[in-house]
Amino acid sequence: MKEIKFVEDNRGDWYADLPDYPGPKADCEMVFGADSMLLMLAEGKDNVTLAISDIEDEIPNAVELKLLREGGSEGGGYYYFAEGEIEIWLCDVTKFVMGYIPSIIYFTVINETN
């Protein structure tokens, strides 16, 4: 299980806060539905921390992101977030975090602060 904090900047763009990520901050921007999911999960706050795993039993009462298809030339993968009834795209930074593109990502909100 990993914990990842997501932060909304003053323009309303969401980013994964990954200090050890070797690439540019722009790679960590949450787009194509992932930003909408975070907005929903943050419930009006400008950040939200998620516990994430590819192992169901690591996170009790987890919500699932189910892989619909890998991203092809753009990388990453397209996932379905059933709770929000939206399709999201997670870029190849997912490989940095998870080590690969999992068929299911389990997560739960563990911290909401302003």
PDB file of N, CA and C in Angstrom:
ATOM      1  N   MET A   1       0.849  -1.181   0.000  1.00  0.00           N
ATOM      2  CA  MET A   1       0.000   0.000   0.000  1.00  0.00           C
ATOM      3  C   MET A   1       0.891   1.239   0.000  1.00  0.00           C
ATOM      4  N   LYS A   2       0.457   2.225  -0.758  1.00  0.00           N
ATOM      5  CA  LYS A   2       1.157   3.501  -0.825  1.00  0.00           C
ATOM      6  C   LYS A   2       0.175   4.612  -0.493  1.00  0.00           C
ATOM      7  N   GLU A   3       0.701   5.695   0.021  1.00  0.00           N
ATOM      8  CA  GLU A   3      -0.108   6.886   0.259  1.00  0.00           C
ATOM      9  C   GLU A   3       0.354   7.967  -0.705  1.00  0.00           C
ATOM     10  N   ILE A   4      -0.603   8.579  -1.397  1.00  0.00           N
ATOM     11  CA  ILE A   4      -0.279   9.656  -2.331  1.00  0.00           C
ATOM     12  C   ILE A   4      -1.172  10.840  -2.046  1.00  0.00           C
ATOM     13  N   LYS A   5      -0.543  11.986  -1.921  1.00  0.00           N
ATOM     14  CA  LYS A   5      -1.284  13.230  -1.729  1.00  0.00           C
ATOM     15  C   LYS A   5      -1.472  13.881  -3.090  1.00  0.00           C
ATOM     16  N   PHE A   6      -2.671  14.364  -3.327  1.00  0.00           N
ATOM     17  CA  PHE A   6      -3.003  15.094  -4.545  1.00  0.00           C
ATOM     18  C   PHE A   6      -3.373  16.512  -4.141  1.00  0.00           C
ATOM     19  N   VAL A   7      -2.854  17.483  -4.882  1.00  0.00           N
ATOM     20  CA  VAL A   7      -3.027  18.891  -4.529  1.00  0.00           C
ATOM     21  C   VAL A   7      -3.591  19.653  -5.723  1.00  0.00           C
ATOM     22  N   GLU A   8      -4.563  20.518  -5.439  1.00  0.00           N
ATOM     23  CA  GLU A   8      -5.141  21.396  -6.459  1.00  0.00           C
ATOM     24  C   GLU A   8      -4.422  22.741  -6.383  1.00  0.00           C
ATOM     25  N   ASP A   9      -3.908  23.218  -7.521  1.00  0.00           N
ATOM     26  CA  ASP A   9      -3.221  24.512  -7.513  1.00  0.00           C
ATOM     27  C   ASP A   9      -4.225  25.655  -7.662  1.00  0.00           C
ATOM     28  N   ASN A  10      -3.722  26.878  -7.691  1.00  0.00           N
ATOM     29  CA  ASN A  10      -4.616  28.047  -7.733  1.00  0.00           C
ATOM     30  C   ASN A  10      -5.347  28.204  -9.062  1.00  0.00           C
ATOM     31  N   ARG A  11      -4.984  27.431 -10.082  1.00  0.00           N
ATOM     32  CA  ARG A  11      -5.706  27.449 -11.361  1.00  0.00           C
ATOM     33  C   ARG A  11      -6.768  26.359 -11.436  1.00  0.00           C
ATOM     34  N   GLY A  12      -6.819  25.515 -10.392  1.00  0.00           N
ATOM     35  CA  GLY A  12      -7.783  24.419 -10.385  1.00  0.00           C
ATOM     36  C   GLY A  12      -7.258  23.138 -10.997  1.00  0.00           C
ATOM     37  N   ASP A  13      -5.953  23.073 -11.268  1.00  0.00           N
ATOM     38  CA  ASP A  13      -5.339  21.861 -11.813  1.00  0.00           C
ATOM     39  C   ASP A  13      -4.874  20.971 -10.663  1.00  0.00           C
ATOM     40  N   TRP A  14      -5.079  19.674 -10.816  1.00  0.00           N
ATOM     41  CA  TRP A  14      -4.707  18.704  -9.792  1.00  0.00           C
ATOM     42  C   TRP A  14      -3.401  18.005 -10.161  1.00  0.00           C
ATOM     43  N   TYR A  15      -2.540  17.800  -9.152  1.00  0.00           N
ATOM     44  CA  TYR A  15      -1.248  17.140  -9.342  1.00  0.00           C
ATOM     45  C   TYR A  15      -1.028  16.100  -8.255  1.00  0.00           C
ATOM     46  N   ALA A  16      -0.397  14.995  -8.637  1.00  0.00           N
ATOM     47  CA  ALA A  16       0.086  14.039  -7.643  1.00  0.00           C
ATOM     48  C   ALA A  16       1.361  14.621  -7.051  1.00  0.00           C
ATOM     49  N   ASP A  17       1.440  14.656  -5.736  1.00  0.00           N
ATOM     50  CA  ASP A  17       2.620  15.169  -5.045  1.00  0.00           C
ATOM     51  C   ASP A  17       3.602  14.014  -4.877  1.00  0.00           C
ATOM     52  N   LEU A  18       4.549  13.927  -5.804  1.00  0.00           N
ATOM     53  CA  LEU A  18       5.518  12.829  -5.828  1.00  0.00           C
ATOM     54  C   LEU A  18       6.931  13.407  -5.826  1.00  0.00           C
ATOM     55  N   PRO A  19       7.462  13.763  -4.659  1.00  0.00           N
ATOM     56  CA  PRO A  19       8.775  14.414  -4.589  1.00  0.00           C
ATOM     57  C   PRO A  19       9.906  13.598  -5.207  1.00  0.00           C
ATOM     58  N   ASP A  20       9.795  12.271  -5.230  1.00  0.00           N
ATOM     59  CA  ASP A  20      10.859  11.425  -5.774  1.00  0.00           C
ATOM     60  C   ASP A  20      10.715  11.159  -7.269  1.00  0.00           C
ATOM     61  N   TYR A  21       9.647  11.659  -7.882  1.00  0.00           N
ATOM     62  CA  TYR A  21       9.453  11.424  -9.315  1.00  0.00           C
ATOM     63  C   TYR A  21      10.550  12.161 -10.085  1.00  0.00           C
ATOM     64  N   PRO A  22      11.252  11.470 -10.994  1.00  0.00           N
ATOM     65  CA  PRO A  22      12.394  12.090 -11.673  1.00  0.00           C
ATOM     66  C   PRO A  22      12.037  13.032 -12.827  1.00  0.00           C
ATOM     67  N   GLY A  23      10.796  13.037 -13.269  1.00  0.00           N
ATOM     68  CA  GLY A  23      10.403  13.858 -14.412  1.00  0.00           C
ATOM     69  C   GLY A  23       9.832  15.199 -13.996  1.00  0.00           C
ATOM     70  N   PRO A  24       9.338  15.958 -14.976  1.00  0.00           N
ATOM     71  CA  PRO A  24       8.768  17.276 -14.685  1.00  0.00           C
ATOM     72  C   PRO A  24       7.424  17.176 -13.957  1.00  0.00           C
ATOM     73  N   LYS A  25       7.091  18.238 -13.233  1.00  0.00           N
ATOM     74  CA  LYS A  25       5.828  18.295 -12.495  1.00  0.00           C
ATOM     75  C   LYS A  25       4.638  18.082 -13.429  1.00  0.00           C
ATOM     76  N   ALA A  26       4.740  18.577 -14.658  1.00  0.00           N
ATOM     77  CA  ALA A  26       3.638  18.454 -15.623  1.00  0.00           C
ATOM     78  C   ALA A  26       3.238  16.997 -15.845  1.00  0.00           C
ATOM     79  N   ASP A  27       4.177  16.072 -15.721  1.00  0.00           N
ATOM     80  CA  ASP A  27       3.858  14.648 -15.869  1.00  0.00           C
ATOM     81  C   ASP A  27       2.881  14.173 -14.799  1.00  0.00           C
ATOM     82  N   CYS A  28       2.873  14.848 -13.658  1.00  0.00           N
ATOM     83  CA  CYS A  28       2.053  14.434 -12.512  1.00  0.00           C
ATOM     84  C   CYS A  28       0.684  15.101 -12.493  1.00  0.00           C
ATOM     85  N   GLU A  29       0.372  15.880 -13.549  1.00  0.00           N
ATOM     86  CA  GLU A  29      -0.941  16.521 -13.601  1.00  0.00           C
ATOM     87  C   GLU A  29      -2.012  15.466 -13.856  1.00  0.00           C
ATOM     88  N   MET A  30      -3.108  15.587 -13.146  1.00  0.00           N
ATOM     89  CA  MET A  30      -4.223  14.657 -13.266  1.00  0.00           C
ATOM     90  C   MET A  30      -5.221  15.243 -14.264  1.00  0.00           C
ATOM     91  N   VAL A  31      -5.425  14.547 -15.374  1.00  0.00           N
ATOM     92  CA  VAL A  31      -6.259  15.051 -16.466  1.00  0.00           C
ATOM     93  C   VAL A  31      -7.210  13.955 -16.941  1.00  0.00           C
ATOM     94  N   PHE A  32      -8.046  14.288 -17.903  1.00  0.00           N
ATOM     95  CA  PHE A  32      -8.937  13.334 -18.574  1.00  0.00           C
ATOM     96  C   PHE A  32      -9.749  12.487 -17.596  1.00  0.00           C
ATOM     97  N   GLY A  33     -10.453  13.166 -16.700  1.00  0.00           N
ATOM     98  CA  GLY A  33     -11.341  12.490 -15.763  1.00  0.00           C
ATOM     99  C   GLY A  33     -10.738  12.275 -14.388  1.00  0.00           C
ATOM    100  N   ALA A  34      -9.418  12.100 -14.307  1.00  0.00           N
ATOM    101  CA  ALA A  34      -8.776  11.909 -13.003  1.00  0.00           C
ATOM    102  C   ALA A  34      -8.928  13.165 -12.151  1.00  0.00           C
ATOM    103  N   ASP A  35      -8.882  14.327 -12.792  1.00  0.00           N
ATOM    104  CA  ASP A  35      -9.082  15.588 -12.070  1.00  0.00           C
ATOM    105  C   ASP A  35     -10.506  15.674 -11.519  1.00  0.00           C
ATOM    106  N   SER A  36     -11.479  15.241 -12.293  1.00  0.00           N
ATOM    107  CA  SER A  36     -12.879  15.243 -11.833  1.00  0.00           C
ATOM    108  C   SER A  36     -13.075  14.291 -10.663  1.00  0.00           C
ATOM    109  N   MET A  37     -12.420  13.140 -10.723  1.00  0.00           N
ATOM    110  CA  MET A  37     -12.507  12.182  -9.633  1.00  0.00           C
ATOM    111  C   MET A  37     -11.930  12.789  -8.351  1.00  0.00           C
ATOM    112  N   LEU A  38     -10.776  13.435  -8.449  1.00  0.00           N
ATOM    113  CA  LEU A  38     -10.153  14.034  -7.265  1.00  0.00           C
ATOM    114  C   LEU A  38     -10.996  15.165  -6.704  1.00  0.00           C
ATOM    115  N   LEU A  39     -11.584  15.953  -7.582  1.00  0.00           N
ATOM    116  CA  LEU A  39     -12.465  17.035  -7.138  1.00  0.00           C
ATOM    117  C   LEU A  39     -13.617  16.465  -6.306  1.00  0.00           C
ATOM    118  N   MET A  40     -14.176  15.361  -6.757  1.00  0.00           N
ATOM    119  CA  MET A  40     -15.261  14.696  -6.045  1.00  0.00           C
ATOM    120  C   MET A  40     -14.772  14.147  -4.700  1.00  0.00           C
ATOM    121  N   LEU A  41     -13.622  13.507  -4.701  1.00  0.00           N
ATOM    122  CA  LEU A  41     -13.098  12.899  -3.482  1.00  0.00           C
ATOM    123  C   LEU A  41     -12.662  13.933  -2.450  1.00  0.00           C
ATOM    124  N   ALA A  42     -12.187  15.083  -2.911  1.00  0.00           N
ATOM    125  CA  ALA A  42     -11.695  16.124  -2.004  1.00  0.00           C
ATOM    126  C   ALA A  42     -12.822  16.874  -1.307  1.00  0.00           C
ATOM    127  N   GLU A  43     -14.020  16.778  -1.839  1.00  0.00           N
ATOM    128  CA  GLU A  43     -15.206  17.398  -1.232  1.00  0.00           C
ATOM    129  C   GLU A  43     -14.988  18.867  -0.884  1.00  0.00           C
ATOM    130  N   GLY A  44     -14.519  19.642  -1.860  1.00  0.00           N
ATOM    131  CA  GLY A  44     -14.373  21.085  -1.677  1.00  0.00           C
ATOM    132  C   GLY A  44     -13.034  21.534  -1.124  1.00  0.00           C
ATOM    133  N   LYS A  45     -12.187  20.610  -0.764  1.00  0.00           N
ATOM    134  CA  LYS A  45     -10.863  20.971  -0.256  1.00  0.00           C
ATOM    135  C   LYS A  45      -9.867  21.010  -1.415  1.00  0.00           C
ATOM    136  N   ASP A  46      -8.684  21.571  -1.163  1.00  0.00           N
ATOM    137  CA  ASP A  46      -7.698  21.700  -2.233  1.00  0.00           C
ATOM    138  C   ASP A  46      -6.654  20.586  -2.226  1.00  0.00           C
ATOM    139  N   ASN A  47      -6.879  19.551  -1.425  1.00  0.00           N
ATOM    140  CA  ASN A  47      -5.987  18.396  -1.452  1.00  0.00           C
ATOM    141  C   ASN A  47      -6.705  17.186  -0.876  1.00  0.00           C
ATOM    142  N   VAL A  48      -6.203  16.033  -1.233  1.00  0.00           N
ATOM    143  CA  VAL A  48      -6.754  14.785  -0.717  1.00  0.00           C
ATOM    144  C   VAL A  48      -5.640  13.744  -0.773  1.00  0.00           C
ATOM    145  N   THR A  49      -5.576  12.914   0.257  1.00  0.00           N
ATOM    146  CA  THR A  49      -4.581  11.851   0.303  1.00  0.00           C
ATOM    147  C   THR A  49      -5.297  10.512   0.165  1.00  0.00           C
ATOM    148  N   LEU A  50      -4.755   9.681  -0.721  1.00  0.00           N
ATOM    149  CA  LEU A  50      -5.342   8.368  -0.973  1.00  0.00           C
ATOM    150  C   LEU A  50      -4.368   7.270  -0.586  1.00  0.00           C
ATOM    151  N   ALA A  51      -4.899   6.200  -0.016  1.00  0.00           N
ATOM    152  CA  ALA A  51      -4.160   4.952   0.121  1.00  0.00           C
ATOM    153  C   ALA A  51      -4.479   4.160  -1.135  1.00  0.00           C
ATOM    154  N   ILE A  52      -3.445   3.690  -1.825  1.00  0.00           N
ATOM    155  CA  ILE A  52      -3.663   2.938  -3.061  1.00  0.00           C
ATOM    156  C   ILE A  52      -2.891   1.624  -3.026  1.00  0.00           C
ATOM    157  N   SER A  53      -3.433   0.634  -3.710  1.00  0.00           N
ATOM    158  CA  SER A  53      -2.785  -0.668  -3.781  1.00  0.00           C
ATOM    159  C   SER A  53      -3.333  -1.439  -4.975  1.00  0.00           C
ATOM    160  N   ASP A  54      -2.580  -2.435  -5.388  1.00  0.00           N
ATOM    161  CA  ASP A  54      -3.086  -3.370  -6.392  1.00  0.00           C
ATOM    162  C   ASP A  54      -3.522  -4.680  -5.726  1.00  0.00           C
ATOM    163  N   ILE A  55      -3.520  -4.690  -4.382  1.00  0.00           N
ATOM    164  CA  ILE A  55      -3.936  -5.862  -3.609  1.00  0.00           C
ATOM    165  C   ILE A  55      -5.171  -5.493  -2.793  1.00  0.00           C
ATOM    166  N   GLU A  56      -6.276  -6.138  -3.084  1.00  0.00           N
ATOM    167  CA  GLU A  56      -7.567  -5.779  -2.482  1.00  0.00           C
ATOM    168  C   GLU A  56      -7.544  -5.804  -0.958  1.00  0.00           C
ATOM    169  N   ASP A  57      -6.945  -6.833  -0.374  1.00  0.00           N
ATOM    170  CA  ASP A  57      -6.983  -7.004   1.078  1.00  0.00           C
ATOM    171  C   ASP A  57      -6.159  -5.976   1.845  1.00  0.00           C
ATOM    172  N   GLU A  58      -5.329  -5.210   1.169  1.00  0.00           N
ATOM    173  CA  GLU A  58      -4.512  -4.207   1.859  1.00  0.00           C
ATOM    174  C   GLU A  58      -5.319  -2.986   2.288  1.00  0.00           C
ATOM    175  N   ILE A  59      -6.458  -2.758   1.646  1.00  0.00           N
ATOM    176  CA  ILE A  59      -7.257  -1.566   1.941  1.00  0.00           C
ATOM    177  C   ILE A  59      -8.703  -1.989   2.194  1.00  0.00           C
ATOM    178  N   PRO A  60      -9.115  -2.016   3.464  1.00  0.00           N
ATOM    179  CA  PRO A  60     -10.506  -2.373   3.771  1.00  0.00           C
ATOM    180  C   PRO A  60     -11.485  -1.372   3.146  1.00  0.00           C
ATOM    181  N   ASN A  61     -12.594  -1.869   2.647  1.00  0.00           N
ATOM    182  CA  ASN A  61     -13.650  -1.031   2.054  1.00  0.00           C
ATOM    183  C   ASN A  61     -13.142  -0.149   0.919  1.00  0.00           C
ATOM    184  N   ALA A  62     -12.220  -0.667   0.146  1.00  0.00           N
ATOM    185  CA  ALA A  62     -11.627   0.112  -0.943  1.00  0.00           C
ATOM    186  C   ALA A  62     -12.601   0.302  -2.100  1.00  0.00           C
ATOM    187  N   VAL A  63     -12.394   1.392  -2.799  1.00  0.00           N
ATOM    188  CA  VAL A  63     -13.076   1.672  -4.060  1.00  0.00           C
ATOM    189  C   VAL A  63     -12.151   1.162  -5.166  1.00  0.00           C
ATOM    190  N   GLU A  64     -12.723   0.745  -6.288  1.00  0.00           N
ATOM    191  CA  GLU A  64     -11.916   0.175  -7.366  1.00  0.00           C
ATOM    192  C   GLU A  64     -11.873   1.079  -8.586  1.00  0.00           C
ATOM    193  N   LEU A  65     -10.703   1.115  -9.188  1.00  0.00           N
ATOM    194  CA  LEU A  65     -10.543   1.624 -10.549  1.00  0.00           C
ATOM    195  C   LEU A  65     -10.229   0.398 -11.393  1.00  0.00           C
ATOM    196  N   LYS A  66     -11.087   0.093 -12.371  1.00  0.00           N
ATOM    197  CA  LYS A  66     -10.897  -1.095 -13.201  1.00  0.00           C
ATOM    198  C   LYS A  66     -10.352  -0.693 -14.564  1.00  0.00           C
ATOM    199  N   LEU A  67      -9.269  -1.345 -14.961  1.00  0.00           N
ATOM    200  CA  LEU A  67      -8.642  -1.065 -16.246  1.00  0.00           C
ATOM    201  C   LEU A  67      -9.575  -1.458 -17.379  1.00  0.00           C
ATOM    202  N   LEU A  68      -9.871  -0.507 -18.246  1.00  0.00           N
ATOM    203  CA  LEU A  68     -10.667  -0.775 -19.443  1.00  0.00           C
ATOM    204  C   LEU A  68      -9.756  -1.185 -20.591  1.00  0.00           C
ATOM    205  N   ARG A  69      -8.646  -0.446 -20.726  1.00  0.00           N
ATOM    206  CA  ARG A  69      -7.675  -0.742 -21.782  1.00  0.00           C
ATOM    207  C   ARG A  69      -6.408   0.053 -21.506  1.00  0.00           C
ATOM    208  N   GLU A  70      -5.301  -0.478 -21.970  1.00  0.00           N
ATOM    209  CA  GLU A  70      -4.053   0.273 -21.843  1.00  0.00           C
ATOM    210  C   GLU A  70      -4.071   1.421 -22.835  1.00  0.00           C
ATOM    211  N   GLY A  71      -3.269   2.437 -22.553  1.00  0.00           N
ATOM    212  CA  GLY A  71      -3.316   3.683 -23.304  1.00  0.00           C
ATOM    213  C   GLY A  71      -2.707   3.669 -24.687  1.00  0.00           C
ATOM    214  N   GLY A  72      -2.052   2.608 -25.087  1.00  0.00           N
ATOM    215  CA  GLY A  72      -1.453   2.564 -26.416  1.00  0.00           C
ATOM    216  C   GLY A  72      -0.316   3.557 -26.547  1.00  0.00           C
ATOM    217  N   SER A  73      -0.313   4.329 -27.619  1.00  0.00           N
ATOM    218  CA  SER A  73       0.796   5.252 -27.887  1.00  0.00           C
ATOM    219  C   SER A  73       0.918   6.357 -26.845  1.00  0.00           C
ATOM    220  N   GLU A  74      -0.184   6.726 -26.189  1.00  0.00           N
ATOM    221  CA  GLU A  74      -0.112   7.774 -25.163  1.00  0.00           C
ATOM    222  C   GLU A  74       0.299   7.214 -23.804  1.00  0.00           C
ATOM    223  N   GLY A  75       0.406   5.892 -23.686  1.00  0.00           N
ATOM    224  CA  GLY A  75       0.843   5.270 -22.440  1.00  0.00           C
ATOM    225  C   GLY A  75      -0.256   5.232 -21.399  1.00  0.00           C
ATOM    226  N   GLY A  76       0.102   4.774 -20.229  1.00  0.00           N
ATOM    227  CA  GLY A  76      -0.849   4.717 -19.126  1.00  0.00           C
ATOM    228  C   GLY A  76      -1.974   3.739 -19.382  1.00  0.00           C
ATOM    229  N   GLY A  77      -3.118   4.058 -18.791  1.00  0.00           N
ATOM    230  CA  GLY A  77      -4.276   3.199 -18.958  1.00  0.00           C
ATOM    231  C   GLY A  77      -5.563   3.945 -18.694  1.00  0.00           C
ATOM    232  N   TYR A  78      -6.619   3.473 -19.330  1.00  0.00           N
ATOM    233  CA  TYR A  78      -7.959   4.028 -19.126  1.00  0.00           C
ATOM    234  C   TYR A  78      -8.678   3.162 -18.105  1.00  0.00           C
ATOM    235  N   TYR A  79      -9.199   3.801 -17.074  1.00  0.00           N
ATOM    236  CA  TYR A  79      -9.853   3.111 -15.971  1.00  0.00           C
ATOM    237  C   TYR A  79     -11.287   3.592 -15.829  1.00  0.00           C
ATOM    238  N   TYR A  80     -12.114   2.720 -15.244  1.00  0.00           N
ATOM    239  CA  TYR A  80     -13.494   3.091 -14.945  1.00  0.00           C
ATOM    240  C   TYR A  80     -13.634   3.261 -13.443  1.00  0.00           C
ATOM    241  N   PHE A  81     -14.106   4.428 -13.038  1.00  0.00           N
ATOM    242  CA  PHE A  81     -14.380   4.755 -11.637  1.00  0.00           C
ATOM    243  C   PHE A  81     -15.884   4.650 -11.460  1.00  0.00           C
ATOM    244  N   ALA A  82     -16.353   3.480 -11.014  1.00  0.00           N
ATOM    245  CA  ALA A  82     -17.789   3.204 -10.953  1.00  0.00           C
ATOM    246  C   ALA A  82     -18.518   4.135 -10.000  1.00  0.00           C
ATOM    247  N   GLU A  83     -17.891   4.472  -8.876  1.00  0.00           N
ATOM    248  CA  GLU A  83     -18.559   5.316  -7.888  1.00  0.00           C
ATOM    249  C   GLU A  83     -18.926   6.680  -8.475  1.00  0.00           C
ATOM    250  N   GLY A  84     -18.088   7.193  -9.343  1.00  0.00           N
ATOM    251  CA  GLY A  84     -18.367   8.477  -9.984  1.00  0.00           C
ATOM    252  C   GLY A  84     -18.916   8.326 -11.388  1.00  0.00           C
ATOM    253  N   GLU A  85     -19.046   7.075 -11.840  1.00  0.00           N
ATOM    254  CA  GLU A  85     -19.537   6.763 -13.183  1.00  0.00           C
ATOM    255  C   GLU A  85     -18.785   7.532 -14.263  1.00  0.00           C
ATOM    256  N   ILE A  86     -17.443   7.548 -14.132  1.00  0.00           N
ATOM    257  CA  ILE A  86     -16.628   8.230 -15.135  1.00  0.00           C
ATOM    258  C   ILE A  86     -15.451   7.353 -15.547  1.00  0.00           C
ATOM    259  N   GLU A  87     -14.998   7.573 -16.762  1.00  0.00           N
ATOM    260  CA  GLU A  87     -13.787   6.952 -17.261  1.00  0.00           C
ATOM    261  C   GLU A  87     -12.660   7.947 -17.043  1.00  0.00           C
ATOM    262  N   ILE A  88     -11.546   7.451 -16.551  1.00  0.00           N
ATOM    263  CA  ILE A  88     -10.397   8.323 -16.332  1.00  0.00           C
ATOM    264  C   ILE A  88      -9.179   7.739 -17.028  1.00  0.00           C
ATOM    265  N   TRP A  89      -8.218   8.598 -17.312  1.00  0.00           N
ATOM    266  CA  TRP A  89      -6.949   8.153 -17.871  1.00  0.00           C
ATOM    267  C   TRP A  89      -5.870   8.432 -16.853  1.00  0.00           C
ATOM    268  N   LEU A  90      -5.061   7.420 -16.567  1.00  0.00           N
ATOM    269  CA  LEU A  90      -3.899   7.585 -15.708  1.00  0.00           C
ATOM    270  C   LEU A  90      -2.660   7.373 -16.561  1.00  0.00           C
ATOM    271  N   CYS A  91      -1.773   8.356 -16.560  1.00  0.00           N
ATOM    272  CA  CYS A  91      -0.594   8.329 -17.427  1.00  0.00           C
ATOM    273  C   CYS A  91       0.449   7.333 -16.915  1.00  0.00           C
ATOM    274  N   ASP A  92       1.590   7.313 -17.580  1.00  0.00           N
ATOM    275  CA  ASP A  92       2.652   6.380 -17.224  1.00  0.00           C
ATOM    276  C   ASP A  92       3.293   6.664 -15.869  1.00  0.00           C
ATOM    277  N   VAL A  93       2.967   7.780 -15.228  1.00  0.00           N
ATOM    278  CA  VAL A  93       3.435   7.993 -13.854  1.00  0.00           C
ATOM    279  C   VAL A  93       2.883   6.874 -12.968  1.00  0.00           C
ATOM    280  N   THR A  94       1.772   6.275 -13.389  1.00  0.00           N
ATOM    281  CA  THR A  94       1.219   5.116 -12.680  1.00  0.00           C
ATOM    282  C   THR A  94       2.268   4.011 -12.583  1.00  0.00           C
ATOM    283  N   LYS A  95       3.049   3.828 -13.648  1.00  0.00           N
ATOM    284  CA  LYS A  95       4.113   2.815 -13.624  1.00  0.00           C
ATOM    285  C   LYS A  95       5.182   3.171 -12.598  1.00  0.00           C
ATOM    286  N   PHE A  96       5.477   4.462 -12.457  1.00  0.00           N
ATOM    287  CA  PHE A  96       6.445   4.898 -11.447  1.00  0.00           C
ATOM    288  C   PHE A  96       5.933   4.568 -10.044  1.00  0.00           C
ATOM    289  N   VAL A  97       4.656   4.816  -9.809  1.00  0.00           N
ATOM    290  CA  VAL A  97       4.058   4.603  -8.486  1.00  0.00           C
ATOM    291  C   VAL A  97       3.831   3.114  -8.207  1.00  0.00           C
ATOM    292  N   MET A  98       3.222   2.412  -9.160  1.00  0.00           N
ATOM    293  CA  MET A  98       2.791   1.030  -8.935  1.00  0.00           C
ATOM    294  C   MET A  98       3.786  -0.017  -9.462  1.00  0.00           C
ATOM    295  N   GLY A  99       4.673   0.399 -10.352  1.00  0.00           N
ATOM    296  CA  GLY A  99       5.608  -0.539 -10.960  1.00  0.00           C
ATOM    297  C   GLY A  99       5.122  -1.103 -12.284  1.00  0.00           C
ATOM    298  N   TYR A 100       3.855  -0.919 -12.592  1.00  0.00           N
ATOM    299  CA  TYR A 100       3.228  -1.394 -13.832  1.00  0.00           C
ATOM    300  C   TYR A 100       1.836  -0.783 -13.914  1.00  0.00           C
ATOM    301  N   ILE A 101       1.077  -1.123 -14.964  1.00  0.00           N
ATOM    302  CA  ILE A 101      -0.308  -0.666 -15.099  1.00  0.00           C
ATOM    303  C   ILE A 101      -1.208  -1.802 -14.589  1.00  0.00           C
ATOM    304  N   PRO A 102      -1.716  -1.693 -13.353  1.00  0.00           N
ATOM    305  CA  PRO A 102      -2.522  -2.774 -12.781  1.00  0.00           C
ATOM    306  C   PRO A 102      -3.897  -2.905 -13.438  1.00  0.00           C
ATOM    307  N   SER A 103      -4.458  -4.105 -13.399  1.00  0.00           N
ATOM    308  CA  SER A 103      -5.804  -4.305 -13.940  1.00  0.00           C
ATOM    309  C   SER A 103      -6.857  -3.704 -13.011  1.00  0.00           C
ATOM    310  N   ILE A 104      -6.572  -3.652 -11.720  1.00  0.00           N
ATOM    311  CA  ILE A 104      -7.446  -2.989 -10.747  1.00  0.00           C
ATOM    312  C   ILE A 104      -6.567  -2.217  -9.769  1.00  0.00           C
ATOM    313  N   ILE A 105      -6.958  -0.988  -9.499  1.00  0.00           N
ATOM    314  CA  ILE A 105      -6.316  -0.189  -8.455  1.00  0.00           C
ATOM    315  C   ILE A 105      -7.358   0.006  -7.358  1.00  0.00           C
ATOM    316  N   TYR A 106      -6.995  -0.369  -6.148  1.00  0.00           N
ATOM    317  CA  TYR A 106      -7.865  -0.203  -4.985  1.00  0.00           C
ATOM    318  C   TYR A 106      -7.426   1.047  -4.243  1.00  0.00           C
ATOM    319  N   PHE A 107      -8.387   1.850  -3.786  1.00  0.00           N
ATOM    320  CA  PHE A 107      -8.009   3.053  -3.052  1.00  0.00           C
ATOM    321  C   PHE A 107      -9.094   3.472  -2.077  1.00  0.00           C
ATOM    322  N   THR A 108      -8.691   4.294  -1.140  1.00  0.00           N
ATOM    323  CA  THR A 108      -9.617   4.934  -0.217  1.00  0.00           C
ATOM    324  C   THR A 108      -9.028   6.274   0.201  1.00  0.00           C
ATOM    325  N   VAL A 109      -9.896   7.201   0.532  1.00  0.00           N
ATOM    326  CA  VAL A 109      -9.452   8.490   1.056  1.00  0.00           C
ATOM    327  C   VAL A 109      -8.998   8.259   2.490  1.00  0.00           C
ATOM    328  N   ILE A 110      -7.782   8.695   2.810  1.00  0.00           N
ATOM    329  CA  ILE A 110      -7.292   8.512   4.178  1.00  0.00           C
ATOM    330  C   ILE A 110      -7.090   9.828   4.908  1.00  0.00           C
ATOM    331  N   ASN A 111      -7.104  10.926   4.170  1.00  0.00           N
ATOM    332  CA  ASN A 111      -6.859  12.203   4.821  1.00  0.00           C
ATOM    333  C   ASN A 111      -7.409  13.309   3.948  1.00  0.00           C
ATOM    334  N   GLU A 112      -8.145  14.191   4.552  1.00  0.00           N
ATOM    335  CA  GLU A 112      -8.628  15.378   3.853  1.00  0.00           C
ATOM    336  C   GLU A 112      -8.317  16.571   4.729  1.00  0.00           C
ATOM    337  N   THR A 113      -7.427  17.442   4.248  1.00  0.00           N
ATOM    338  CA  THR A 113      -7.085  18.650   4.996  1.00  0.00           C
ATOM    339  C   THR A 113      -7.151  19.839   4.076  1.00  0.00           C
ATOM    340  N   ASN A 114      -7.253  20.994   4.655  1.00  0.00           N
ATOM    341  CA  ASN A 114      -7.285  22.216   3.847  1.00  0.00           C
ATOM    342  C   ASN A 114      -5.989  22.944   3.920  1.00  0.00           C
TER     343      ASN A 114
END
